[in-house]
Amino acid sequence: MALMTTQQAAERIGVSARHVQRLVAAGDLVAIGPDRIDPESVAQWMAQRQGSRLRAWEEPTAWAAVALLEELPAPWLGQAQRSRLRSALADVPVSELAPRTRNRATVHRWSAHPRALDHLAADVVESGATRGIGGLTAVPDRLDGYVHGAALPRLVQRYRLESDPAGSVTLRATGMPGDVVAELARGRRHVLAGLDLAGSTDARERSAGERLLDRARASLRG
């Protein structure tokens, strides 16, 4: 896929060229050389939002949404906030759940030596998105998981990860404590995996993710 200029990326996303530069500076888009943007990073940025212009929930609220959809407590929010969020979740279209909750983590993609994957897997919380959930085939040569933001630089250095929008390693950096993320990742409704899949650039993965989310939301409304 040919590289994009900053202006082409801006037109594709629907923002200004200066906004694209800010996205590059924040690590949301990948620049390759002067005035060249990796198109895969643009596609992934857009998939996370699915065309939604709605404001995403803040990180604690996004994680509380995962918990409520799993019928698990979210004690980091007050009771009134949880009640409002539960009502909102019952009404939000399934297609908007992934964009609304995207602030739960910052997504980074890397390439890694195949032999490093098993070792790296021990340091992340996998949501199950690459493990055959939702009728998909398991992908053994991919790793998709959550890490605490403070631990990310150490993992990048230890495993010699290289930034690569098409890489086999997806690390989702979050400020939520690892034990909370691990509990939510083990949820029987696979909400976290559903959100990860619903934000994929692959149509089949997006469809599988939305099915998981639709079932979880139906149970919440019931």
N, C-alpha and C. Protein backbone atom coordinates (compact mmCIF):
# COMPACT_ATOMS: atom_id res chain seq x y z
N MET A 1 0.85 -1.19 0.00
CA MET A 1 0.00 0.00 0.00
C MET A 1 0.89 1.24 0.00
N ALA A 2 0.66 2.18 -0.93
CA ALA A 2 1.50 3.35 -1.08
C ALA A 2 1.37 4.28 0.13
N LEU A 3 2.47 4.92 0.48
CA LEU A 3 2.45 5.87 1.57
C LEU A 3 1.58 7.08 1.21
N MET A 4 1.02 7.70 2.24
CA MET A 4 0.20 8.89 2.06
C MET A 4 1.01 10.13 2.42
N THR A 5 0.70 11.24 1.78
CA THR A 5 1.21 12.51 2.26
C THR A 5 0.37 12.93 3.47
N THR A 6 0.88 13.91 4.21
CA THR A 6 0.11 14.42 5.34
C THR A 6 -1.25 14.94 4.90
N GLN A 7 -1.29 15.63 3.77
CA GLN A 7 -2.54 16.17 3.27
C GLN A 7 -3.51 15.07 2.85
N GLN A 8 -2.99 14.02 2.21
CA GLN A 8 -3.84 12.90 1.82
C GLN A 8 -4.43 12.21 3.05
N ALA A 9 -3.61 12.04 4.07
CA ALA A 9 -4.10 11.43 5.31
C ALA A 9 -5.18 12.31 5.94
N ALA A 10 -4.96 13.62 5.91
CA ALA A 10 -5.94 14.54 6.47
C ALA A 10 -7.27 14.44 5.73
N GLU A 11 -7.21 14.37 4.41
CA GLU A 11 -8.44 14.26 3.62
C GLU A 11 -9.13 12.92 3.86
N ARG A 12 -8.34 11.88 4.03
CA ARG A 12 -8.93 10.55 4.27
C ARG A 12 -9.66 10.52 5.62
N ILE A 13 -9.07 11.13 6.62
CA ILE A 13 -9.65 11.11 7.95
C ILE A 13 -10.76 12.16 8.09
N GLY A 14 -10.58 13.28 7.36
CA GLY A 14 -11.55 14.35 7.48
C GLY A 14 -11.15 15.39 8.51
N VAL A 15 -9.83 15.61 8.65
CA VAL A 15 -9.32 16.61 9.59
C VAL A 15 -8.32 17.48 8.87
N SER A 16 -7.72 18.43 9.57
CA SER A 16 -6.72 19.30 8.98
C SER A 16 -5.35 18.60 8.97
N ALA A 17 -4.44 19.12 8.13
CA ALA A 17 -3.09 18.59 8.10
C ALA A 17 -2.40 18.78 9.46
N ARG A 18 -2.67 19.90 10.12
CA ARG A 18 -2.09 20.14 11.43
C ARG A 18 -2.58 19.10 12.45
N HIS A 19 -3.86 18.71 12.32
CA HIS A 19 -4.39 17.68 13.22
C HIS A 19 -3.67 16.35 12.98
N VAL A 20 -3.40 16.02 11.73
CA VAL A 20 -2.65 14.80 11.42
C VAL A 20 -1.27 14.85 12.07
N GLN A 21 -0.63 16.01 12.02
CA GLN A 21 0.68 16.15 12.66
C GLN A 21 0.60 15.92 14.16
N ARG A 22 -0.50 16.39 14.76
CA ARG A 22 -0.68 16.15 16.20
C ARG A 22 -0.90 14.66 16.48
N LEU A 23 -1.63 13.98 15.59
CA LEU A 23 -1.85 12.55 15.77
C LEU A 23 -0.54 11.78 15.65
N VAL A 24 0.33 12.22 14.75
CA VAL A 24 1.65 11.59 14.61
C VAL A 24 2.46 11.81 15.89
N ALA A 25 2.45 13.05 16.39
CA ALA A 25 3.20 13.36 17.60
C ALA A 25 2.72 12.56 18.80
N ALA A 26 1.41 12.27 18.82
CA ALA A 26 0.84 11.50 19.93
C ALA A 26 1.03 10.00 19.77
N GLY A 27 1.53 9.57 18.60
CA GLY A 27 1.73 8.14 18.35
C GLY A 27 0.51 7.45 17.79
N ASP A 28 -0.54 8.21 17.46
CA ASP A 28 -1.76 7.60 16.92
C ASP A 28 -1.60 7.24 15.44
N LEU A 29 -0.77 7.99 14.74
CA LEU A 29 -0.45 7.69 13.34
C LEU A 29 1.06 7.53 13.23
N VAL A 30 1.48 6.78 12.21
CA VAL A 30 2.91 6.50 12.05
C VAL A 30 3.45 7.25 10.84
N ALA A 31 4.44 8.11 11.06
CA ALA A 31 5.10 8.83 9.98
C ALA A 31 6.32 8.05 9.53
N ILE A 32 6.53 7.99 8.22
CA ILE A 32 7.70 7.31 7.66
C ILE A 32 8.40 8.31 6.76
N GLY A 33 9.40 8.97 7.31
CA GLY A 33 10.07 10.01 6.55
C GLY A 33 9.28 11.30 6.58
N PRO A 34 9.84 12.37 6.01
CA PRO A 34 9.16 13.67 6.02
C PRO A 34 7.91 13.65 5.12
N ASP A 35 6.81 14.10 5.68
CA ASP A 35 5.55 14.25 4.96
C ASP A 35 5.04 12.94 4.36
N ARG A 36 5.27 11.83 5.03
CA ARG A 36 4.74 10.55 4.58
C ARG A 36 4.15 9.82 5.78
N ILE A 37 2.90 9.36 5.60
CA ILE A 37 2.17 8.67 6.67
C ILE A 37 1.88 7.25 6.24
N ASP A 38 2.07 6.31 7.17
CA ASP A 38 1.77 4.91 6.86
C ASP A 38 0.25 4.74 6.74
N PRO A 39 -0.25 4.27 5.60
CA PRO A 39 -1.70 4.17 5.40
C PRO A 39 -2.37 3.14 6.32
N GLU A 40 -1.63 2.12 6.74
CA GLU A 40 -2.22 1.13 7.64
C GLU A 40 -2.55 1.76 8.99
N SER A 41 -1.69 2.67 9.44
CA SER A 41 -1.99 3.34 10.71
C SER A 41 -3.21 4.24 10.57
N VAL A 42 -3.42 4.82 9.39
CA VAL A 42 -4.61 5.63 9.15
C VAL A 42 -5.86 4.75 9.18
N ALA A 43 -5.78 3.59 8.51
CA ALA A 43 -6.92 2.66 8.48
C ALA A 43 -7.27 2.18 9.89
N GLN A 44 -6.25 1.91 10.71
CA GLN A 44 -6.50 1.45 12.06
C GLN A 44 -7.09 2.56 12.93
N TRP A 45 -6.61 3.77 12.75
CA TRP A 45 -7.17 4.91 13.50
C TRP A 45 -8.64 5.08 13.19
N MET A 46 -8.98 4.96 11.91
CA MET A 46 -10.37 5.12 11.50
C MET A 46 -11.23 3.96 11.98
N ALA A 47 -10.68 2.74 11.98
CA ALA A 47 -11.44 1.58 12.44
C ALA A 47 -11.80 1.70 13.92
N GLN A 48 -10.91 2.30 14.71
CA GLN A 48 -11.19 2.48 16.13
C GLN A 48 -12.38 3.41 16.35
N ARG A 49 -12.61 4.29 15.39
CA ARG A 49 -13.70 5.26 15.53
C ARG A 49 -14.92 4.90 14.69
N GLN A 50 -14.74 4.07 13.67
CA GLN A 50 -15.84 3.60 12.82
C GLN A 50 -16.70 4.75 12.32
N GLY A 51 -16.05 5.84 11.97
CA GLY A 51 -16.77 6.98 11.43
C GLY A 51 -17.51 7.80 12.47
N SER A 52 -17.42 7.41 13.73
CA SER A 52 -18.17 8.12 14.78
C SER A 52 -17.51 9.45 15.13
N ARG A 53 -18.31 10.49 15.18
CA ARG A 53 -17.85 11.80 15.62
C ARG A 53 -18.19 12.03 17.09
N LEU A 54 -18.79 11.04 17.73
CA LEU A 54 -19.17 11.19 19.12
C LEU A 54 -17.93 11.17 20.01
N ARG A 55 -18.01 11.91 21.08
CA ARG A 55 -16.89 11.97 22.02
C ARG A 55 -16.76 10.64 22.76
N ALA A 56 -15.54 10.16 22.86
CA ALA A 56 -15.30 8.91 23.58
C ALA A 56 -15.38 9.15 25.08
N TRP A 57 -15.80 8.12 25.82
CA TRP A 57 -15.81 8.21 27.28
C TRP A 57 -14.39 8.25 27.81
N GLU A 58 -14.22 8.89 28.96
CA GLU A 58 -12.90 8.91 29.61
C GLU A 58 -12.53 7.50 30.05
N GLU A 59 -11.24 7.28 30.29
CA GLU A 59 -10.74 5.93 30.56
C GLU A 59 -11.50 5.21 31.69
N PRO A 60 -11.70 5.84 32.86
CA PRO A 60 -12.43 5.11 33.92
C PRO A 60 -13.84 4.73 33.50
N THR A 61 -14.52 5.61 32.76
CA THR A 61 -15.88 5.31 32.31
C THR A 61 -15.87 4.20 31.27
N ALA A 62 -14.89 4.22 30.39
CA ALA A 62 -14.79 3.17 29.36
C ALA A 62 -14.61 1.81 30.01
N TRP A 63 -13.76 1.73 31.01
CA TRP A 63 -13.54 0.45 31.69
C TRP A 63 -14.78 0.05 32.51
N ALA A 64 -15.47 1.04 33.06
CA ALA A 64 -16.71 0.73 33.79
C ALA A 64 -17.75 0.16 32.83
N ALA A 65 -17.77 0.65 31.59
CA ALA A 65 -18.71 0.11 30.60
C ALA A 65 -18.43 -1.37 30.34
N VAL A 66 -17.14 -1.72 30.26
CA VAL A 66 -16.78 -3.13 30.09
C VAL A 66 -17.30 -3.94 31.27
N ALA A 67 -17.07 -3.42 32.48
CA ALA A 67 -17.49 -4.14 33.68
C ALA A 67 -19.01 -4.33 33.72
N LEU A 68 -19.76 -3.28 33.43
CA LEU A 68 -21.21 -3.38 33.50
C LEU A 68 -21.75 -4.35 32.45
N LEU A 69 -21.16 -4.35 31.27
CA LEU A 69 -21.59 -5.29 30.24
C LEU A 69 -21.27 -6.74 30.64
N GLU A 70 -20.27 -6.91 31.49
CA GLU A 70 -19.94 -8.24 32.01
C GLU A 70 -20.71 -8.56 33.29
N GLU A 71 -21.54 -7.62 33.74
CA GLU A 71 -22.26 -7.76 35.01
C GLU A 71 -21.29 -7.91 36.17
N LEU A 72 -20.23 -7.11 36.12
CA LEU A 72 -19.24 -7.06 37.19
C LEU A 72 -19.24 -5.66 37.80
N PRO A 73 -18.82 -5.53 39.05
CA PRO A 73 -18.82 -4.20 39.70
C PRO A 73 -17.77 -3.28 39.07
N ALA A 74 -18.04 -2.00 39.17
CA ALA A 74 -17.07 -0.99 38.71
C ALA A 74 -16.92 0.03 39.85
N PRO A 75 -16.27 -0.37 40.95
CA PRO A 75 -16.24 0.46 42.16
C PRO A 75 -15.49 1.78 42.00
N TRP A 76 -14.74 1.94 40.90
CA TRP A 76 -14.01 3.19 40.71
C TRP A 76 -14.93 4.33 40.25
N LEU A 77 -16.18 4.01 39.92
CA LEU A 77 -17.18 5.04 39.64
C LEU A 77 -18.18 5.09 40.79
N GLY A 78 -18.76 6.27 41.01
CA GLY A 78 -19.80 6.40 42.02
C GLY A 78 -21.09 5.74 41.56
N GLN A 79 -21.98 5.50 42.51
CA GLN A 79 -23.23 4.81 42.19
C GLN A 79 -24.06 5.56 41.15
N ALA A 80 -24.13 6.88 41.29
CA ALA A 80 -24.92 7.66 40.33
C ALA A 80 -24.31 7.57 38.92
N GLN A 81 -22.98 7.62 38.85
CA GLN A 81 -22.31 7.50 37.55
C GLN A 81 -22.57 6.13 36.92
N ARG A 82 -22.51 5.09 37.75
CA ARG A 82 -22.77 3.74 37.23
C ARG A 82 -24.20 3.62 36.71
N SER A 83 -25.14 4.21 37.43
CA SER A 83 -26.53 4.14 37.01
C SER A 83 -26.74 4.85 35.67
N ARG A 84 -26.13 6.03 35.51
CA ARG A 84 -26.26 6.76 34.25
C ARG A 84 -25.60 5.99 33.11
N LEU A 85 -24.45 5.40 33.40
CA LEU A 85 -23.74 4.66 32.37
C LEU A 85 -24.53 3.41 31.96
N ARG A 86 -25.13 2.73 32.91
CA ARG A 86 -25.93 1.55 32.59
C ARG A 86 -27.08 1.92 31.65
N SER A 87 -27.73 3.05 31.93
CA SER A 87 -28.83 3.51 31.07
C SER A 87 -28.31 3.85 29.68
N ALA A 88 -27.14 4.48 29.61
CA ALA A 88 -26.56 4.85 28.32
C ALA A 88 -26.20 3.61 27.51
N LEU A 89 -25.66 2.60 28.17
CA LEU A 89 -25.26 1.37 27.48
C LEU A 89 -26.46 0.66 26.87
N ALA A 90 -27.60 0.76 27.51
CA ALA A 90 -28.79 0.10 27.00
C ALA A 90 -29.28 0.74 25.71
N ASP A 91 -28.90 2.00 25.49
CA ASP A 91 -29.40 2.74 24.33
C ASP A 91 -28.37 2.96 23.23
N VAL A 92 -27.10 2.83 23.55
CA VAL A 92 -26.04 3.08 22.56
C VAL A 92 -26.07 1.98 21.50
N PRO A 93 -26.09 2.35 20.21
CA PRO A 93 -26.02 1.32 19.16
C PRO A 93 -24.74 0.50 19.28
N VAL A 94 -24.82 -0.77 18.94
CA VAL A 94 -23.66 -1.65 19.05
C VAL A 94 -22.48 -1.09 18.27
N SER A 95 -22.75 -0.49 17.12
CA SER A 95 -21.67 0.03 16.28
C SER A 95 -20.92 1.18 16.94
N GLU A 96 -21.50 1.77 17.99
CA GLU A 96 -20.84 2.89 18.67
C GLU A 96 -20.10 2.47 19.94
N LEU A 97 -20.25 1.24 20.37
CA LEU A 97 -19.62 0.83 21.62
C LEU A 97 -18.09 0.89 21.55
N ALA A 98 -17.51 0.39 20.46
CA ALA A 98 -16.05 0.42 20.34
C ALA A 98 -15.53 1.86 20.27
N PRO A 99 -16.12 2.74 19.43
CA PRO A 99 -15.65 4.13 19.42
C PRO A 99 -15.82 4.83 20.77
N ARG A 100 -16.93 4.56 21.45
CA ARG A 100 -17.18 5.22 22.74
C ARG A 100 -16.16 4.79 23.80
N THR A 101 -15.70 3.55 23.74
CA THR A 101 -14.81 3.01 24.78
C THR A 101 -13.35 3.00 24.36
N ARG A 102 -13.00 3.68 23.27
CA ARG A 102 -11.62 3.58 22.76
C ARG A 102 -10.59 4.16 23.71
N ASN A 103 -11.01 5.04 24.62
CA ASN A 103 -10.05 5.62 25.57
C ASN A 103 -9.65 4.66 26.68
N ARG A 104 -10.16 3.43 26.63
CA ARG A 104 -9.72 2.47 27.65
C ARG A 104 -8.24 2.16 27.53
N ALA A 105 -7.68 2.37 26.35
CA ALA A 105 -6.26 2.08 26.13
C ALA A 105 -5.78 2.79 24.87
N THR A 106 -4.47 3.01 24.82
CA THR A 106 -3.83 3.54 23.61
C THR A 106 -3.21 2.36 22.88
N VAL A 107 -3.55 2.21 21.61
CA VAL A 107 -3.14 1.03 20.85
C VAL A 107 -1.80 1.27 20.14
N HIS A 108 -0.87 0.33 20.35
CA HIS A 108 0.44 0.38 19.69
C HIS A 108 0.67 -0.96 18.99
N ARG A 109 1.20 -0.91 17.79
CA ARG A 109 1.48 -2.15 17.04
C ARG A 109 2.96 -2.26 16.73
N TRP A 110 3.47 -3.48 16.88
CA TRP A 110 4.91 -3.71 16.79
C TRP A 110 5.19 -5.00 16.01
N SER A 111 6.39 -5.10 15.53
CA SER A 111 6.89 -6.38 15.01
C SER A 111 7.86 -6.93 16.04
N ALA A 112 7.90 -8.26 16.15
CA ALA A 112 8.76 -8.91 17.14
C ALA A 112 9.25 -10.23 16.58
N HIS A 113 10.37 -10.70 17.10
CA HIS A 113 10.86 -12.02 16.70
C HIS A 113 9.84 -13.06 17.15
N PRO A 114 9.51 -14.04 16.28
CA PRO A 114 8.50 -15.06 16.65
C PRO A 114 8.78 -15.74 17.98
N ARG A 115 10.04 -15.96 18.30
CA ARG A 115 10.37 -16.64 19.55
C ARG A 115 10.12 -15.76 20.77
N ALA A 116 9.92 -14.47 20.54
CA ALA A 116 9.67 -13.57 21.67
C ALA A 116 8.21 -13.55 22.08
N LEU A 117 7.33 -14.04 21.21
CA LEU A 117 5.89 -13.91 21.47
C LEU A 117 5.46 -14.62 22.74
N ASP A 118 5.89 -15.86 22.94
CA ASP A 118 5.48 -16.59 24.14
C ASP A 118 5.96 -15.91 25.41
N HIS A 119 7.18 -15.40 25.39
CA HIS A 119 7.71 -14.71 26.57
C HIS A 119 6.95 -13.41 26.81
N LEU A 120 6.69 -12.67 25.74
CA LEU A 120 5.96 -11.41 25.86
C LEU A 120 4.54 -11.65 26.36
N ALA A 121 3.94 -12.76 25.93
CA ALA A 121 2.57 -13.06 26.34
C ALA A 121 2.43 -13.15 27.85
N ALA A 122 3.51 -13.56 28.52
CA ALA A 122 3.46 -13.68 29.98
C ALA A 122 3.40 -12.32 30.67
N ASP A 123 3.73 -11.26 29.94
CA ASP A 123 3.76 -9.91 30.51
C ASP A 123 2.55 -9.06 30.14
N VAL A 124 1.60 -9.65 29.43
CA VAL A 124 0.42 -8.88 29.01
C VAL A 124 -0.85 -9.62 29.45
N VAL A 125 -1.95 -8.90 29.45
CA VAL A 125 -3.26 -9.49 29.69
C VAL A 125 -3.95 -9.61 28.34
N GLU A 126 -4.11 -10.82 27.86
CA GLU A 126 -4.73 -11.02 26.56
C GLU A 126 -6.26 -11.01 26.71
N SER A 127 -6.92 -10.31 25.81
CA SER A 127 -8.38 -10.25 25.86
C SER A 127 -9.03 -11.48 25.23
N GLY A 128 -8.26 -12.21 24.43
CA GLY A 128 -8.79 -13.37 23.73
C GLY A 128 -9.16 -13.09 22.30
N ALA A 129 -8.91 -11.87 21.82
CA ALA A 129 -9.31 -11.49 20.47
C ALA A 129 -8.62 -12.31 19.39
N THR A 130 -7.44 -12.85 19.69
CA THR A 130 -6.72 -13.67 18.70
C THR A 130 -6.78 -15.15 19.04
N ARG A 131 -7.70 -15.53 19.92
CA ARG A 131 -7.72 -16.91 20.39
C ARG A 131 -8.97 -17.67 19.95
N GLY A 132 -9.57 -17.28 18.84
CA GLY A 132 -10.67 -18.05 18.29
C GLY A 132 -12.03 -17.75 18.90
N ILE A 133 -12.16 -16.62 19.56
CA ILE A 133 -13.44 -16.24 20.17
C ILE A 133 -14.39 -15.72 19.09
N GLY A 134 -15.67 -15.93 19.29
CA GLY A 134 -16.67 -15.38 18.38
C GLY A 134 -16.75 -16.07 17.04
N GLY A 135 -16.33 -17.33 17.00
CA GLY A 135 -16.39 -18.08 15.76
C GLY A 135 -15.20 -17.88 14.84
N LEU A 136 -14.21 -17.11 15.28
CA LEU A 136 -13.02 -16.88 14.48
C LEU A 136 -12.00 -17.98 14.71
N THR A 137 -11.08 -18.13 13.77
CA THR A 137 -10.00 -19.10 13.91
C THR A 137 -8.88 -18.48 14.73
N ALA A 138 -8.33 -19.23 15.67
CA ALA A 138 -7.23 -18.74 16.49
C ALA A 138 -6.03 -18.39 15.60
N VAL A 139 -5.32 -17.33 15.99
CA VAL A 139 -4.16 -16.88 15.23
C VAL A 139 -2.93 -17.02 16.12
N PRO A 140 -2.21 -18.15 16.01
CA PRO A 140 -1.11 -18.42 16.94
C PRO A 140 0.09 -17.50 16.80
N ASP A 141 0.26 -16.89 15.64
CA ASP A 141 1.45 -16.05 15.44
C ASP A 141 1.16 -14.57 15.68
N ARG A 142 0.07 -14.26 16.38
CA ARG A 142 -0.26 -12.89 16.75
C ARG A 142 -0.45 -12.78 18.25
N LEU A 143 -0.15 -11.62 18.78
CA LEU A 143 -0.35 -11.36 20.19
C LEU A 143 -1.08 -10.03 20.33
N ASP A 144 -2.17 -10.05 21.08
CA ASP A 144 -2.97 -8.84 21.28
C ASP A 144 -3.32 -8.80 22.76
N GLY A 145 -2.80 -7.79 23.46
CA GLY A 145 -3.06 -7.76 24.89
C GLY A 145 -2.85 -6.40 25.51
N TYR A 146 -3.22 -6.30 26.79
CA TYR A 146 -3.17 -5.05 27.54
C TYR A 146 -1.97 -5.02 28.47
N VAL A 147 -1.35 -3.85 28.58
CA VAL A 147 -0.24 -3.65 29.51
C VAL A 147 -0.45 -2.30 30.20
N HIS A 148 0.13 -2.16 31.37
CA HIS A 148 0.07 -0.85 32.01
C HIS A 148 0.99 0.10 31.25
N GLY A 149 0.54 1.33 31.07
CA GLY A 149 1.30 2.30 30.30
C GLY A 149 2.72 2.48 30.79
N ALA A 150 2.92 2.40 32.11
CA ALA A 150 4.26 2.60 32.67
C ALA A 150 5.20 1.46 32.32
N ALA A 151 4.65 0.29 32.00
CA ALA A 151 5.48 -0.88 31.70
C ALA A 151 5.84 -0.98 30.22
N LEU A 152 5.15 -0.22 29.38
CA LEU A 152 5.34 -0.35 27.93
C LEU A 152 6.78 -0.10 27.49
N PRO A 153 7.45 0.99 27.91
CA PRO A 153 8.84 1.19 27.45
C PRO A 153 9.77 0.04 27.81
N ARG A 154 9.57 -0.52 29.00
CA ARG A 154 10.42 -1.64 29.43
C ARG A 154 10.22 -2.86 28.53
N LEU A 155 8.97 -3.15 28.16
CA LEU A 155 8.69 -4.29 27.30
C LEU A 155 9.26 -4.07 25.89
N VAL A 156 9.14 -2.86 25.41
CA VAL A 156 9.67 -2.55 24.08
C VAL A 156 11.17 -2.79 24.05
N GLN A 157 11.85 -2.37 25.10
CA GLN A 157 13.30 -2.55 25.16
C GLN A 157 13.67 -4.00 25.36
N ARG A 158 12.99 -4.68 26.29
CA ARG A 158 13.35 -6.07 26.60
C ARG A 158 13.18 -6.99 25.40
N TYR A 159 12.10 -6.82 24.66
CA TYR A 159 11.80 -7.73 23.56
C TYR A 159 12.16 -7.14 22.19
N ARG A 160 12.84 -6.01 22.21
CA ARG A 160 13.32 -5.37 20.98
C ARG A 160 12.19 -5.21 19.96
N LEU A 161 11.11 -4.66 20.43
CA LEU A 161 9.96 -4.45 19.56
C LEU A 161 10.21 -3.26 18.65
N GLU A 162 9.74 -3.35 17.44
CA GLU A 162 9.89 -2.27 16.46
C GLU A 162 8.51 -1.82 16.00
N SER A 163 8.28 -0.51 16.05
CA SER A 163 6.98 0.02 15.63
C SER A 163 6.65 -0.39 14.22
N ASP A 164 5.44 -0.99 14.06
CA ASP A 164 5.05 -1.52 12.76
C ASP A 164 3.53 -1.62 12.72
N PRO A 165 2.84 -0.74 11.97
CA PRO A 165 1.38 -0.79 11.93
C PRO A 165 0.81 -2.12 11.46
N ALA A 166 1.62 -2.89 10.72
CA ALA A 166 1.16 -4.20 10.24
C ALA A 166 1.81 -5.34 11.03
N GLY A 167 2.40 -5.03 12.18
CA GLY A 167 3.12 -6.03 12.96
C GLY A 167 2.22 -7.04 13.63
N SER A 168 2.84 -8.08 14.16
CA SER A 168 2.10 -9.19 14.76
C SER A 168 1.75 -8.96 16.23
N VAL A 169 2.27 -7.89 16.82
CA VAL A 169 2.05 -7.62 18.24
C VAL A 169 1.24 -6.34 18.41
N THR A 170 0.12 -6.45 19.10
CA THR A 170 -0.70 -5.28 19.44
C THR A 170 -0.70 -5.15 20.96
N LEU A 171 -0.16 -4.04 21.44
CA LEU A 171 -0.14 -3.77 22.88
C LEU A 171 -1.04 -2.57 23.15
N ARG A 172 -1.95 -2.75 24.09
CA ARG A 172 -2.92 -1.71 24.43
C ARG A 172 -2.56 -1.17 25.81
N ALA A 173 -1.97 0.02 25.82
CA ALA A 173 -1.47 0.60 27.06
C ALA A 173 -2.59 1.32 27.80
N THR A 174 -2.75 0.99 29.07
CA THR A 174 -3.83 1.55 29.87
C THR A 174 -3.33 1.93 31.25
N GLY A 175 -4.07 2.81 31.91
CA GLY A 175 -3.74 3.17 33.28
C GLY A 175 -4.51 2.34 34.30
N MET A 176 -5.43 1.50 33.83
CA MET A 176 -6.21 0.65 34.74
C MET A 176 -5.31 -0.44 35.33
N PRO A 177 -5.41 -0.71 36.63
CA PRO A 177 -4.59 -1.75 37.25
C PRO A 177 -4.73 -3.10 36.54
N GLY A 178 -3.62 -3.82 36.47
CA GLY A 178 -3.60 -5.08 35.73
C GLY A 178 -4.56 -6.12 36.26
N ASP A 179 -4.77 -6.16 37.59
CA ASP A 179 -5.68 -7.18 38.13
C ASP A 179 -7.12 -6.91 37.71
N VAL A 180 -7.49 -5.63 37.58
CA VAL A 180 -8.84 -5.28 37.11
C VAL A 180 -9.00 -5.68 35.66
N VAL A 181 -7.99 -5.35 34.84
CA VAL A 181 -8.05 -5.71 33.42
C VAL A 181 -8.13 -7.23 33.26
N ALA A 182 -7.34 -7.96 34.04
CA ALA A 182 -7.33 -9.42 33.94
C ALA A 182 -8.70 -10.00 34.30
N GLU A 183 -9.34 -9.46 35.34
CA GLU A 183 -10.66 -9.95 35.72
C GLU A 183 -11.68 -9.70 34.60
N LEU A 184 -11.62 -8.53 34.00
CA LEU A 184 -12.56 -8.21 32.93
C LEU A 184 -12.28 -9.04 31.68
N ALA A 185 -11.00 -9.31 31.42
CA ALA A 185 -10.65 -10.13 30.26
C ALA A 185 -11.15 -11.56 30.40
N ARG A 186 -11.32 -12.02 31.64
CA ARG A 186 -11.82 -13.38 31.88
C ARG A 186 -13.35 -13.46 31.87
N GLY A 187 -14.01 -12.34 31.66
CA GLY A 187 -15.47 -12.30 31.70
C GLY A 187 -16.10 -13.30 30.75
N ARG A 188 -17.19 -13.91 31.16
CA ARG A 188 -17.81 -14.97 30.36
C ARG A 188 -18.45 -14.45 29.09
N ARG A 189 -18.72 -13.15 29.02
CA ARG A 189 -19.34 -12.59 27.81
C ARG A 189 -18.32 -12.10 26.78
N HIS A 190 -17.06 -12.14 27.14
CA HIS A 190 -15.98 -11.75 26.22
C HIS A 190 -16.16 -10.33 25.69
N VAL A 191 -16.59 -9.42 26.57
CA VAL A 191 -16.83 -8.05 26.15
C VAL A 191 -15.54 -7.37 25.69
N LEU A 192 -14.46 -7.56 26.43
CA LEU A 192 -13.20 -6.90 26.08
C LEU A 192 -12.70 -7.38 24.72
N ALA A 193 -12.77 -8.69 24.49
CA ALA A 193 -12.39 -9.22 23.17
C ALA A 193 -13.31 -8.66 22.10
N GLY A 194 -14.60 -8.54 22.41
CA GLY A 194 -15.54 -8.00 21.45
C GLY A 194 -15.20 -6.58 21.06
N LEU A 195 -14.80 -5.76 22.03
CA LEU A 195 -14.43 -4.38 21.74
C LEU A 195 -13.16 -4.32 20.90
N ASP A 196 -12.19 -5.17 21.24
CA ASP A 196 -10.94 -5.20 20.45
C ASP A 196 -11.22 -5.60 19.01
N LEU A 197 -12.05 -6.62 18.83
CA LEU A 197 -12.37 -7.09 17.48
C LEU A 197 -13.20 -6.06 16.72
N ALA A 198 -14.12 -5.40 17.41
CA ALA A 198 -14.99 -4.42 16.75
C ALA A 198 -14.21 -3.23 16.23
N GLY A 199 -13.01 -3.01 16.76
CA GLY A 199 -12.16 -1.92 16.29
C GLY A 199 -11.13 -2.36 15.27
N SER A 200 -11.30 -3.55 14.71
CA SER A 200 -10.34 -4.09 13.73
C SER A 200 -10.60 -3.52 12.34
N THR A 201 -9.56 -3.53 11.51
CA THR A 201 -9.72 -3.14 10.10
C THR A 201 -10.26 -4.29 9.27
N ASP A 202 -10.30 -5.50 9.84
CA ASP A 202 -10.79 -6.68 9.13
C ASP A 202 -12.30 -6.79 9.32
N ALA A 203 -13.05 -6.86 8.22
CA ALA A 203 -14.51 -6.87 8.30
C ALA A 203 -15.04 -8.07 9.07
N ARG A 204 -14.42 -9.23 8.90
CA ARG A 204 -14.90 -10.43 9.59
C ARG A 204 -14.68 -10.30 11.10
N GLU A 205 -13.54 -9.75 11.49
CA GLU A 205 -13.28 -9.56 12.91
C GLU A 205 -14.24 -8.52 13.50
N ARG A 206 -14.48 -7.44 12.77
CA ARG A 206 -15.43 -6.44 13.26
C ARG A 206 -16.81 -7.04 13.47
N SER A 207 -17.25 -7.86 12.52
CA SER A 207 -18.57 -8.47 12.62
C SER A 207 -18.65 -9.39 13.84
N ALA A 208 -17.59 -10.19 14.06
CA ALA A 208 -17.57 -11.09 15.21
C ALA A 208 -17.59 -10.31 16.51
N GLY A 209 -16.84 -9.21 16.55
CA GLY A 209 -16.81 -8.38 17.75
C GLY A 209 -18.17 -7.77 18.05
N GLU A 210 -18.85 -7.29 17.03
CA GLU A 210 -20.15 -6.67 17.23
C GLU A 210 -21.20 -7.69 17.66
N ARG A 211 -21.06 -8.93 17.20
CA ARG A 211 -21.99 -9.98 17.67
C ARG A 211 -21.81 -10.23 19.16
N LEU A 212 -20.56 -10.28 19.60
CA LEU A 212 -20.30 -10.48 21.03
C LEU A 212 -20.88 -9.32 21.84
N LEU A 213 -20.68 -8.11 21.35
CA LEU A 213 -21.18 -6.94 22.07
C LEU A 213 -22.70 -6.88 22.06
N ASP A 214 -23.30 -7.28 20.97
CA ASP A 214 -24.76 -7.27 20.87
C ASP A 214 -25.37 -8.22 21.90
N ARG A 215 -24.77 -9.40 22.05
CA ARG A 215 -25.28 -10.36 23.04
C ARG A 215 -25.12 -9.82 24.45
N ALA A 216 -23.98 -9.19 24.73
CA ALA A 216 -23.76 -8.64 26.07
C ALA A 216 -24.74 -7.53 26.36
N ARG A 217 -24.98 -6.67 25.41
CA ARG A 217 -25.90 -5.55 25.62
C ARG A 217 -27.34 -6.04 25.77
N ALA A 218 -27.70 -7.08 25.02
CA ALA A 218 -29.06 -7.64 25.13
C ALA A 218 -29.29 -8.18 26.54
N SER A 219 -28.27 -8.81 27.11
CA SER A 219 -28.40 -9.33 28.47
C SER A 219 -28.52 -8.19 29.47
N LEU A 220 -27.80 -7.10 29.20
CA LEU A 220 -27.88 -5.95 30.11
C LEU A 220 -29.27 -5.33 30.08
N ARG A 221 -29.85 -5.24 28.88
CA ARG A 221 -31.17 -4.65 28.75
C ARG A 221 -32.25 -5.56 29.32
N GLY A 222 -31.97 -6.89 29.27
CA GLY A 222 -32.97 -7.80 29.80
C GLY A 222 -33.01 -7.78 31.31
